[in-house]
Amino acid sequence: MESVSKKLNREIREFLENGILSVSLEREIRNMIELALKETANHAAILKVFGSKKAAVDEIFQEVMGVFWEKRNEILERKIENLVGYVKISVKNRIVDHLKSGWWKKKVSLDSKLNSDEDEKSFTETIPIESDSEDPLEEFVAKMMFKHMKDVFKGKEKDLCDLFYKKVFSDEDADIFSSGKSTQARYKSHERLAKKLRDFVEKNDLTRGEFAALVKIYMSEICEKIRPDMVRDERRSPDSGGADR
């Protein structure tokens, strides 16, 4: 007896070769989409993006099958054996594309204040630290973008953490990453990073909530892990007598 997986592989191949979409294949792919949506967001979040679960499944189904049909020759030439797995990856990629697009929310704007001559507070105020809502979609996109953000700001971790901490805190904890920089040097560093952050947000089409969630992850995964070393270095500095206090 033919297994379910082999049956689906055969039906997908028939679709690619002949354009025949069986009732059972359509049903199974729609089930894949529905399951993938459940794994990435709750019902309320799906409604925000697509309007309804049915609309989400319908739209993603049409997109996935359309792409498969357009690339049918390439897929067949590559002789992919696990076509079911290929469909699942395609489904997840389509969901990610929708989550990244941010068409359903207002995008964050690190606006013209970044180019003004006002004090440091004027441009750091435009960087969102806290999201307006606890949205699973924002968290999903943030986690997806985290590695990319690390790569873009590689080598600038201390300065970026200093910028974020300055935004969040007003006490001495905000200065832990500044490494003895003068106020002017620190300001210029923050200004350059804020502009780079704006470009990063615009290039990746992030919403305000998505970026706020991403900042939160960066502070937790990067800043909080290097902060103890910064504290130790400060305590061992010449000004502190060269020994831990």
C-alpha atoms as a PDB file:
ATOM      1  CA  MET A   1       0.000   0.000   0.000  1.00  0.00           C
ATOM      2  CA  GLU A   2       1.322   3.427  -0.994  1.00  0.00           C
ATOM      3  CA  SER A   3       2.264   5.615   1.987  1.00  0.00           C
ATOM      4  CA  VAL A   4       0.721   9.071   2.420  1.00  0.00           C
ATOM      5  CA  SER A   5       4.063  10.771   1.790  1.00  0.00           C
ATOM      6  CA  LYS A   6       4.717   8.817  -1.417  1.00  0.00           C
ATOM      7  CA  LYS A   7       1.167   9.503  -2.590  1.00  0.00           C
ATOM      8  CA  LEU A   8       1.610  13.246  -2.052  1.00  0.00           C
ATOM      9  CA  ASN A   9       4.991  13.202  -3.781  1.00  0.00           C
ATOM     10  CA  ARG A  10       3.415  11.461  -6.766  1.00  0.00           C
ATOM     11  CA  GLU A  11       0.503  13.908  -6.903  1.00  0.00           C
ATOM     12  CA  ILE A  12       2.828  16.909  -6.682  1.00  0.00           C
ATOM     13  CA  ARG A  13       4.910  15.506  -9.518  1.00  0.00           C
ATOM     14  CA  GLU A  14       1.762  14.963 -11.600  1.00  0.00           C
ATOM     15  CA  PHE A  15       0.821  18.577 -11.000  1.00  0.00           C
ATOM     16  CA  LEU A  16       4.271  19.737 -12.132  1.00  0.00           C
ATOM     17  CA  GLU A  17       4.226  17.489 -15.216  1.00  0.00           C
ATOM     18  CA  ASN A  18       0.611  17.813 -16.315  1.00  0.00           C
ATOM     19  CA  GLY A  19      -0.959  20.656 -14.349  1.00  0.00           C
ATOM     20  CA  ILE A  20      -3.340  18.179 -12.675  1.00  0.00           C
ATOM     21  CA  LEU A  21      -4.255  19.323  -9.172  1.00  0.00           C
ATOM     22  CA  SER A  22      -6.078  16.516  -7.427  1.00  0.00           C
ATOM     23  CA  VAL A  23      -8.659  17.164  -4.740  1.00  0.00           C
ATOM     24  CA  SER A  24      -6.582  15.249  -2.200  1.00  0.00           C
ATOM     25  CA  LEU A  25      -3.424  17.224  -3.017  1.00  0.00           C
ATOM     26  CA  GLU A  26      -5.188  20.557  -2.639  1.00  0.00           C
ATOM     27  CA  ARG A  27      -6.645  19.440   0.678  1.00  0.00           C
ATOM     28  CA  GLU A  28      -3.269  18.297   2.023  1.00  0.00           C
ATOM     29  CA  ILE A  29      -1.462  21.487   0.981  1.00  0.00           C
ATOM     30  CA  ARG A  30      -4.175  23.608   2.565  1.00  0.00           C
ATOM     31  CA  ASN A  31      -3.744  21.562   5.739  1.00  0.00           C
ATOM     32  CA  MET A  32       0.018  22.234   5.614  1.00  0.00           C
ATOM     33  CA  ILE A  33      -0.630  25.949   5.351  1.00  0.00           C
ATOM     34  CA  GLU A  34      -3.108  25.970   8.197  1.00  0.00           C
ATOM     35  CA  LEU A  35      -0.676  24.056  10.420  1.00  0.00           C
ATOM     36  CA  ALA A  36       2.211  26.400   9.542  1.00  0.00           C
ATOM     37  CA  LEU A  37       0.064  29.414  10.405  1.00  0.00           C
ATOM     38  CA  LYS A  38      -0.819  27.906  13.766  1.00  0.00           C
ATOM     39  CA  GLU A  39       2.860  27.329  14.491  1.00  0.00           C
ATOM     40  CA  THR A  40       3.849  30.941  13.800  1.00  0.00           C
ATOM     41  CA  ALA A  41       0.978  33.036  15.133  1.00  0.00           C
ATOM     42  CA  ASN A  42      -2.276  32.892  17.055  1.00  0.00           C
ATOM     43  CA  HIS A  43      -5.701  33.375  15.533  1.00  0.00           C
ATOM     44  CA  ALA A  44      -5.938  37.064  16.451  1.00  0.00           C
ATOM     45  CA  ALA A  45      -2.589  37.796  14.805  1.00  0.00           C
ATOM     46  CA  ILE A  46      -3.609  35.972  11.634  1.00  0.00           C
ATOM     47  CA  LEU A  47      -6.757  38.094  11.455  1.00  0.00           C
ATOM     48  CA  LYS A  48      -4.619  41.223  11.615  1.00  0.00           C
ATOM     49  CA  VAL A  49      -2.564  40.131   8.649  1.00  0.00           C
ATOM     50  CA  PHE A  50      -5.043  38.427   6.365  1.00  0.00           C
ATOM     51  CA  GLY A  51      -8.501  39.264   7.693  1.00  0.00           C
ATOM     52  CA  SER A  52      -9.413  35.622   8.370  1.00  0.00           C
ATOM     53  CA  LYS A  53      -7.836  32.184   8.527  1.00  0.00           C
ATOM     54  CA  LYS A  54      -9.620  31.153   5.330  1.00  0.00           C
ATOM     55  CA  ALA A  55      -8.305  34.224   3.510  1.00  0.00           C
ATOM     56  CA  ALA A  56      -4.780  33.417   4.721  1.00  0.00           C
ATOM     57  CA  VAL A  57      -4.957  29.811   3.545  1.00  0.00           C
ATOM     58  CA  ASP A  58      -6.502  30.807   0.197  1.00  0.00           C
ATOM     59  CA  GLU A  59      -3.900  33.471  -0.519  1.00  0.00           C
ATOM     60  CA  ILE A  60      -0.863  31.426   0.477  1.00  0.00           C
ATOM     61  CA  PHE A  61      -2.186  28.388  -1.386  1.00  0.00           C
ATOM     62  CA  GLN A  62      -2.544  30.393  -4.599  1.00  0.00           C
ATOM     63  CA  GLU A  63       0.920  31.919  -4.182  1.00  0.00           C
ATOM     64  CA  VAL A  64       2.668  28.604  -3.469  1.00  0.00           C
ATOM     65  CA  MET A  65       0.995  26.749  -6.324  1.00  0.00           C
ATOM     66  CA  GLY A  66       1.608  29.665  -8.673  1.00  0.00           C
ATOM     67  CA  VAL A  67       5.329  29.693  -7.892  1.00  0.00           C
ATOM     68  CA  PHE A  68       5.502  25.899  -8.224  1.00  0.00           C
ATOM     69  CA  TRP A  69       3.893  26.046 -11.651  1.00  0.00           C
ATOM     70  CA  GLU A  70       6.194  28.828 -12.825  1.00  0.00           C
ATOM     71  CA  LYS A  71       9.268  26.903 -11.666  1.00  0.00           C
ATOM     72  CA  ARG A  72       8.011  23.459 -12.649  1.00  0.00           C
ATOM     73  CA  ASN A  73      10.733  22.823 -15.244  1.00  0.00           C
ATOM     74  CA  GLU A  74      13.491  23.802 -12.819  1.00  0.00           C
ATOM     75  CA  ILE A  75      12.033  21.645 -10.042  1.00  0.00           C
ATOM     76  CA  LEU A  76      11.647  18.623 -12.325  1.00  0.00           C
ATOM     77  CA  GLU A  77      15.169  19.010 -13.716  1.00  0.00           C
ATOM     78  CA  ARG A  78      16.626  19.035 -10.208  1.00  0.00           C
ATOM     79  CA  LYS A  79      14.879  15.697  -9.555  1.00  0.00           C
ATOM     80  CA  ILE A  80      13.913  16.620  -6.013  1.00  0.00           C
ATOM     81  CA  GLU A  81      12.764  13.467  -4.255  1.00  0.00           C
ATOM     82  CA  ASN A  82      11.111  15.024  -1.214  1.00  0.00           C
ATOM     83  CA  LEU A  83       8.603  17.265  -2.958  1.00  0.00           C
ATOM     84  CA  VAL A  84       6.396  17.315   0.150  1.00  0.00           C
ATOM     85  CA  GLY A  85       9.249  18.831   2.151  1.00  0.00           C
ATOM     86  CA  TYR A  86       9.840  21.310  -0.636  1.00  0.00           C
ATOM     87  CA  VAL A  87       6.206  22.408  -0.459  1.00  0.00           C
ATOM     88  CA  LYS A  88       6.419  22.826   3.322  1.00  0.00           C
ATOM     89  CA  ILE A  89       9.480  25.059   2.979  1.00  0.00           C
ATOM     90  CA  SER A  90       7.721  27.082   0.288  1.00  0.00           C
ATOM     91  CA  VAL A  91       4.705  27.553   2.556  1.00  0.00           C
ATOM     92  CA  LYS A  92       6.862  28.784   5.434  1.00  0.00           C
ATOM     93  CA  ASN A  93       8.752  31.143   3.134  1.00  0.00           C
ATOM     94  CA  ARG A  94       5.507  32.677   1.908  1.00  0.00           C
ATOM     95  CA  ILE A  95       4.338  33.243   5.482  1.00  0.00           C
ATOM     96  CA  VAL A  96       7.667  34.850   6.344  1.00  0.00           C
ATOM     97  CA  ASP A  97       7.373  37.129   3.304  1.00  0.00           C
ATOM     98  CA  HIS A  98       3.987  38.318   4.506  1.00  0.00           C
ATOM     99  CA  LEU A  99       5.272  38.850   8.031  1.00  0.00           C
ATOM    100  CA  LYS A 100       8.217  40.867   6.748  1.00  0.00           C
ATOM    101  CA  SER A 101       6.175  43.026   4.417  1.00  0.00           C
ATOM    102  CA  GLY A 102       4.512  44.997   7.200  1.00  0.00           C
ATOM    103  CA  TRP A 103       1.804  46.177   4.787  1.00  0.00           C
ATOM    104  CA  TRP A 104      -0.806  45.856   7.541  1.00  0.00           C
ATOM    105  CA  LYS A 105       0.975  48.138  10.012  1.00  0.00           C
ATOM    106  CA  LYS A 106       2.535  51.558  10.041  1.00  0.00           C
ATOM    107  CA  LYS A 107       6.260  51.353   9.477  1.00  0.00           C
ATOM    108  CA  VAL A 108       8.676  52.795  12.014  1.00  0.00           C
ATOM    109  CA  SER A 109      10.228  56.074  10.977  1.00  0.00           C
ATOM    110  CA  LEU A 110      13.564  57.232  12.339  1.00  0.00           C
ATOM    111  CA  ASP A 111      12.811  60.619  10.871  1.00  0.00           C
ATOM    112  CA  SER A 112      14.626  63.827  10.025  1.00  0.00           C
ATOM    113  CA  LYS A 113      15.507  64.441  13.659  1.00  0.00           C
ATOM    114  CA  LEU A 114      18.524  62.275  12.970  1.00  0.00           C
ATOM    115  CA  ASN A 115      19.966  65.021  10.806  1.00  0.00           C
ATOM    116  CA  SER A 116      19.287  67.903  13.186  1.00  0.00           C
ATOM    117  CA  ASP A 117      21.744  69.701  15.459  1.00  0.00           C
ATOM    118  CA  GLU A 118      19.629  69.083  18.545  1.00  0.00           C
ATOM    119  CA  ASP A 119      20.935  67.120  21.505  1.00  0.00           C
ATOM    120  CA  GLU A 120      21.314  63.367  21.745  1.00  0.00           C
ATOM    121  CA  LYS A 121      17.814  62.881  23.077  1.00  0.00           C
ATOM    122  CA  SER A 122      16.262  64.271  19.887  1.00  0.00           C
ATOM    123  CA  PHE A 123      17.252  61.316  17.746  1.00  0.00           C
ATOM    124  CA  THR A 124      17.267  58.532  20.313  1.00  0.00           C
ATOM    125  CA  GLU A 125      13.626  59.337  21.028  1.00  0.00           C
ATOM    126  CA  THR A 126      12.764  58.154  17.517  1.00  0.00           C
ATOM    127  CA  ILE A 127      14.058  54.633  18.240  1.00  0.00           C
ATOM    128  CA  PRO A 128      11.235  52.456  19.585  1.00  0.00           C
ATOM    129  CA  ILE A 129      12.241  50.383  22.593  1.00  0.00           C
ATOM    130  CA  GLU A 130       8.868  49.065  23.685  1.00  0.00           C
ATOM    131  CA  SER A 131       6.267  47.641  21.318  1.00  0.00           C
ATOM    132  CA  ASP A 132       2.710  48.942  21.409  1.00  0.00           C
ATOM    133  CA  SER A 133       1.423  45.379  21.773  1.00  0.00           C
ATOM    134  CA  GLU A 134       2.455  41.821  22.547  1.00  0.00           C
ATOM    135  CA  ASP A 135       2.166  40.505  19.007  1.00  0.00           C
ATOM    136  CA  PRO A 136       3.463  37.019  18.104  1.00  0.00           C
ATOM    137  CA  LEU A 137       4.030  38.154  14.518  1.00  0.00           C
ATOM    138  CA  GLU A 138       6.325  40.951  15.619  1.00  0.00           C
ATOM    139  CA  GLU A 139       8.269  38.536  17.795  1.00  0.00           C
ATOM    140  CA  PHE A 140       8.539  36.049  14.918  1.00  0.00           C
ATOM    141  CA  VAL A 141       9.903  38.647  12.490  1.00  0.00           C
ATOM    142  CA  ALA A 142      12.291  39.991  15.132  1.00  0.00           C
ATOM    143  CA  LYS A 143      13.762  36.550  15.762  1.00  0.00           C
ATOM    144  CA  MET A 144      14.085  36.020  12.035  1.00  0.00           C
ATOM    145  CA  MET A 145      15.948  39.353  11.590  1.00  0.00           C
ATOM    146  CA  PHE A 146      18.228  39.021  14.624  1.00  0.00           C
ATOM    147  CA  LYS A 147      21.119  37.251  12.860  1.00  0.00           C
ATOM    148  CA  HIS A 148      20.964  39.758  10.013  1.00  0.00           C
ATOM    149  CA  MET A 149      21.153  42.635  12.481  1.00  0.00           C
ATOM    150  CA  LYS A 150      24.169  41.038  14.179  1.00  0.00           C
ATOM    151  CA  ASP A 151      25.937  40.792  10.818  1.00  0.00           C
ATOM    152  CA  VAL A 152      25.133  44.378   9.809  1.00  0.00           C
ATOM    153  CA  PHE A 153      26.399  45.824  13.109  1.00  0.00           C
ATOM    154  CA  LYS A 154      29.307  43.436  13.624  1.00  0.00           C
ATOM    155  CA  GLY A 155      32.162  45.220  15.391  1.00  0.00           C
ATOM    156  CA  LYS A 156      29.835  47.952  16.655  1.00  0.00           C
ATOM    157  CA  GLU A 157      28.218  45.980  19.460  1.00  0.00           C
ATOM    158  CA  LYS A 158      29.478  48.162  22.330  1.00  0.00           C
ATOM    159  CA  ASP A 159      28.474  51.392  20.633  1.00  0.00           C
ATOM    160  CA  LEU A 160      25.073  50.041  19.662  1.00  0.00           C
ATOM    161  CA  CYS A 161      24.445  48.766  23.187  1.00  0.00           C
ATOM    162  CA  ASP A 162      25.493  52.156  24.517  1.00  0.00           C
ATOM    163  CA  LEU A 163      22.912  53.778  22.244  1.00  0.00           C
ATOM    164  CA  PHE A 164      20.134  51.418  23.329  1.00  0.00           C
ATOM    165  CA  TYR A 165      21.020  51.722  27.025  1.00  0.00           C
ATOM    166  CA  LYS A 166      21.096  55.498  26.767  1.00  0.00           C
ATOM    167  CA  LYS A 167      17.606  55.317  25.335  1.00  0.00           C
ATOM    168  CA  VAL A 168      16.283  52.996  28.038  1.00  0.00           C
ATOM    169  CA  PHE A 169      18.112  54.199  31.164  1.00  0.00           C
ATOM    170  CA  SER A 170      18.918  57.608  32.563  1.00  0.00           C
ATOM    171  CA  ASP A 171      21.148  56.518  35.431  1.00  0.00           C
ATOM    172  CA  GLU A 172      24.792  55.394  35.524  1.00  0.00           C
ATOM    173  CA  ASP A 173      23.911  52.028  33.975  1.00  0.00           C
ATOM    174  CA  ALA A 174      23.442  53.878  30.695  1.00  0.00           C
ATOM    175  CA  ASP A 175      27.140  54.780  30.564  1.00  0.00           C
ATOM    176  CA  ILE A 176      28.606  51.327  31.033  1.00  0.00           C
ATOM    177  CA  PHE A 177      29.306  50.803  27.312  1.00  0.00           C
ATOM    178  CA  SER A 178      30.712  54.267  26.553  1.00  0.00           C
ATOM    179  CA  SER A 179      34.302  53.192  27.378  1.00  0.00           C
ATOM    180  CA  GLY A 180      35.418  56.617  28.546  1.00  0.00           C
ATOM    181  CA  LYS A 181      34.430  58.423  25.347  1.00  0.00           C
ATOM    182  CA  SER A 182      33.921  62.156  25.453  1.00  0.00           C
ATOM    183  CA  THR A 183      30.369  63.449  25.235  1.00  0.00           C
ATOM    184  CA  GLN A 184      30.994  64.712  21.708  1.00  0.00           C
ATOM    185  CA  ALA A 185      32.544  61.445  20.501  1.00  0.00           C
ATOM    186  CA  ARG A 186      29.718  59.480  22.043  1.00  0.00           C
ATOM    187  CA  TYR A 187      27.138  61.729  20.420  1.00  0.00           C
ATOM    188  CA  LYS A 188      28.725  61.352  16.975  1.00  0.00           C
ATOM    189  CA  SER A 189      28.885  57.576  17.387  1.00  0.00           C
ATOM    190  CA  HIS A 190      25.222  57.432  18.353  1.00  0.00           C
ATOM    191  CA  GLU A 191      24.245  59.686  15.481  1.00  0.00           C
ATOM    192  CA  ARG A 192      25.999  57.483  12.913  1.00  0.00           C
ATOM    193  CA  LEU A 193      24.446  54.337  14.381  1.00  0.00           C
ATOM    194  CA  ALA A 194      20.969  55.875  14.484  1.00  0.00           C
ATOM    195  CA  LYS A 195      21.206  56.707  10.792  1.00  0.00           C
ATOM    196  CA  LYS A 196      22.435  53.190  10.054  1.00  0.00           C
ATOM    197  CA  LEU A 197      19.528  51.804  12.071  1.00  0.00           C
ATOM    198  CA  ARG A 198      17.114  53.890  10.034  1.00  0.00           C
ATOM    199  CA  ASP A 199      18.566  52.475   6.817  1.00  0.00           C
ATOM    200  CA  PHE A 200      18.332  48.948   8.259  1.00  0.00           C
ATOM    201  CA  VAL A 201      14.669  49.432   9.175  1.00  0.00           C
ATOM    202  CA  GLU A 202      13.748  50.907   5.789  1.00  0.00           C
ATOM    203  CA  LYS A 203      15.680  48.329   3.778  1.00  0.00           C
ATOM    204  CA  ASN A 204      14.011  45.444   5.620  1.00  0.00           C
ATOM    205  CA  ASP A 205      10.591  47.099   5.713  1.00  0.00           C
ATOM    206  CA  LEU A 206      10.207  46.651   9.469  1.00  0.00           C
ATOM    207  CA  THR A 207       7.213  47.963  11.386  1.00  0.00           C
ATOM    208  CA  ARG A 208       7.654  49.891  14.609  1.00  0.00           C
ATOM    209  CA  GLY A 209       6.586  46.894  16.681  1.00  0.00           C
ATOM    210  CA  GLU A 210       8.899  44.513  14.817  1.00  0.00           C
ATOM    211  CA  PHE A 211      11.873  46.806  15.326  1.00  0.00           C
ATOM    212  CA  ALA A 212      11.061  47.324  19.001  1.00  0.00           C
ATOM    213  CA  ALA A 213      10.964  43.541  19.472  1.00  0.00           C
ATOM    214  CA  LEU A 214      14.273  43.242  17.606  1.00  0.00           C
ATOM    215  CA  VAL A 215      15.915  45.849  19.852  1.00  0.00           C
ATOM    216  CA  LYS A 216      14.694  43.954  22.896  1.00  0.00           C
ATOM    217  CA  ILE A 217      16.215  40.695  21.601  1.00  0.00           C
ATOM    218  CA  TYR A 218      19.507  42.434  20.727  1.00  0.00           C
ATOM    219  CA  MET A 219      19.801  43.914  24.215  1.00  0.00           C
ATOM    220  CA  SER A 220      19.084  40.546  25.815  1.00  0.00           C
ATOM    221  CA  GLU A 221      21.301  38.413  23.561  1.00  0.00           C
ATOM    222  CA  ILE A 222      24.190  40.832  22.967  1.00  0.00           C
ATOM    223  CA  CYS A 223      24.240  43.720  25.426  1.00  0.00           C
ATOM    224  CA  GLU A 224      23.447  41.764  28.562  1.00  0.00           C
ATOM    225  CA  LYS A 225      26.107  39.176  27.697  1.00  0.00           C
ATOM    226  CA  ILE A 226      28.947  41.657  27.149  1.00  0.00           C
ATOM    227  CA  ARG A 227      27.896  44.015  29.952  1.00  0.00           C
ATOM    228  CA  PRO A 228      29.610  42.027  32.763  1.00  0.00           C
ATOM    229  CA  ASP A 229      32.930  42.278  30.895  1.00  0.00           C
ATOM    230  CA  MET A 230      32.459  46.018  30.524  1.00  0.00           C
ATOM    231  CA  VAL A 231      31.818  46.351  34.254  1.00  0.00           C
ATOM    232  CA  ARG A 232      34.975  44.373  35.089  1.00  0.00           C
ATOM    233  CA  ASP A 233      37.055  46.456  32.674  1.00  0.00           C
ATOM    234  CA  GLU A 234      35.768  49.639  34.250  1.00  0.00           C
ATOM    235  CA  ARG A 235      36.620  48.421  37.734  1.00  0.00           C
ATOM    236  CA  ARG A 236      40.134  47.490  36.635  1.00  0.00           C
ATOM    237  CA  SER A 237      40.783  50.800  34.905  1.00  0.00           C
ATOM    238  CA  PRO A 238      43.642  53.074  36.200  1.00  0.00           C
ATOM    239  CA  ASP A 239      41.083  55.418  37.717  1.00  0.00           C
ATOM    240  CA  SER A 240      39.841  52.647  39.978  1.00  0.00           C
ATOM    241  CA  GLY A 241      43.316  51.851  41.295  1.00  0.00           C
ATOM    242  CA  GLY A 242      43.835  48.862  39.008  1.00  0.00           C
ATOM    243  CA  ALA A 243      41.917  46.433  41.192  1.00  0.00           C
ATOM    244  CA  ASP A 244      38.371  45.239  41.627  1.00  0.00           C
ATOM    245  CA  ARG A 245      36.452  47.301  44.074  1.00  0.00           C
END
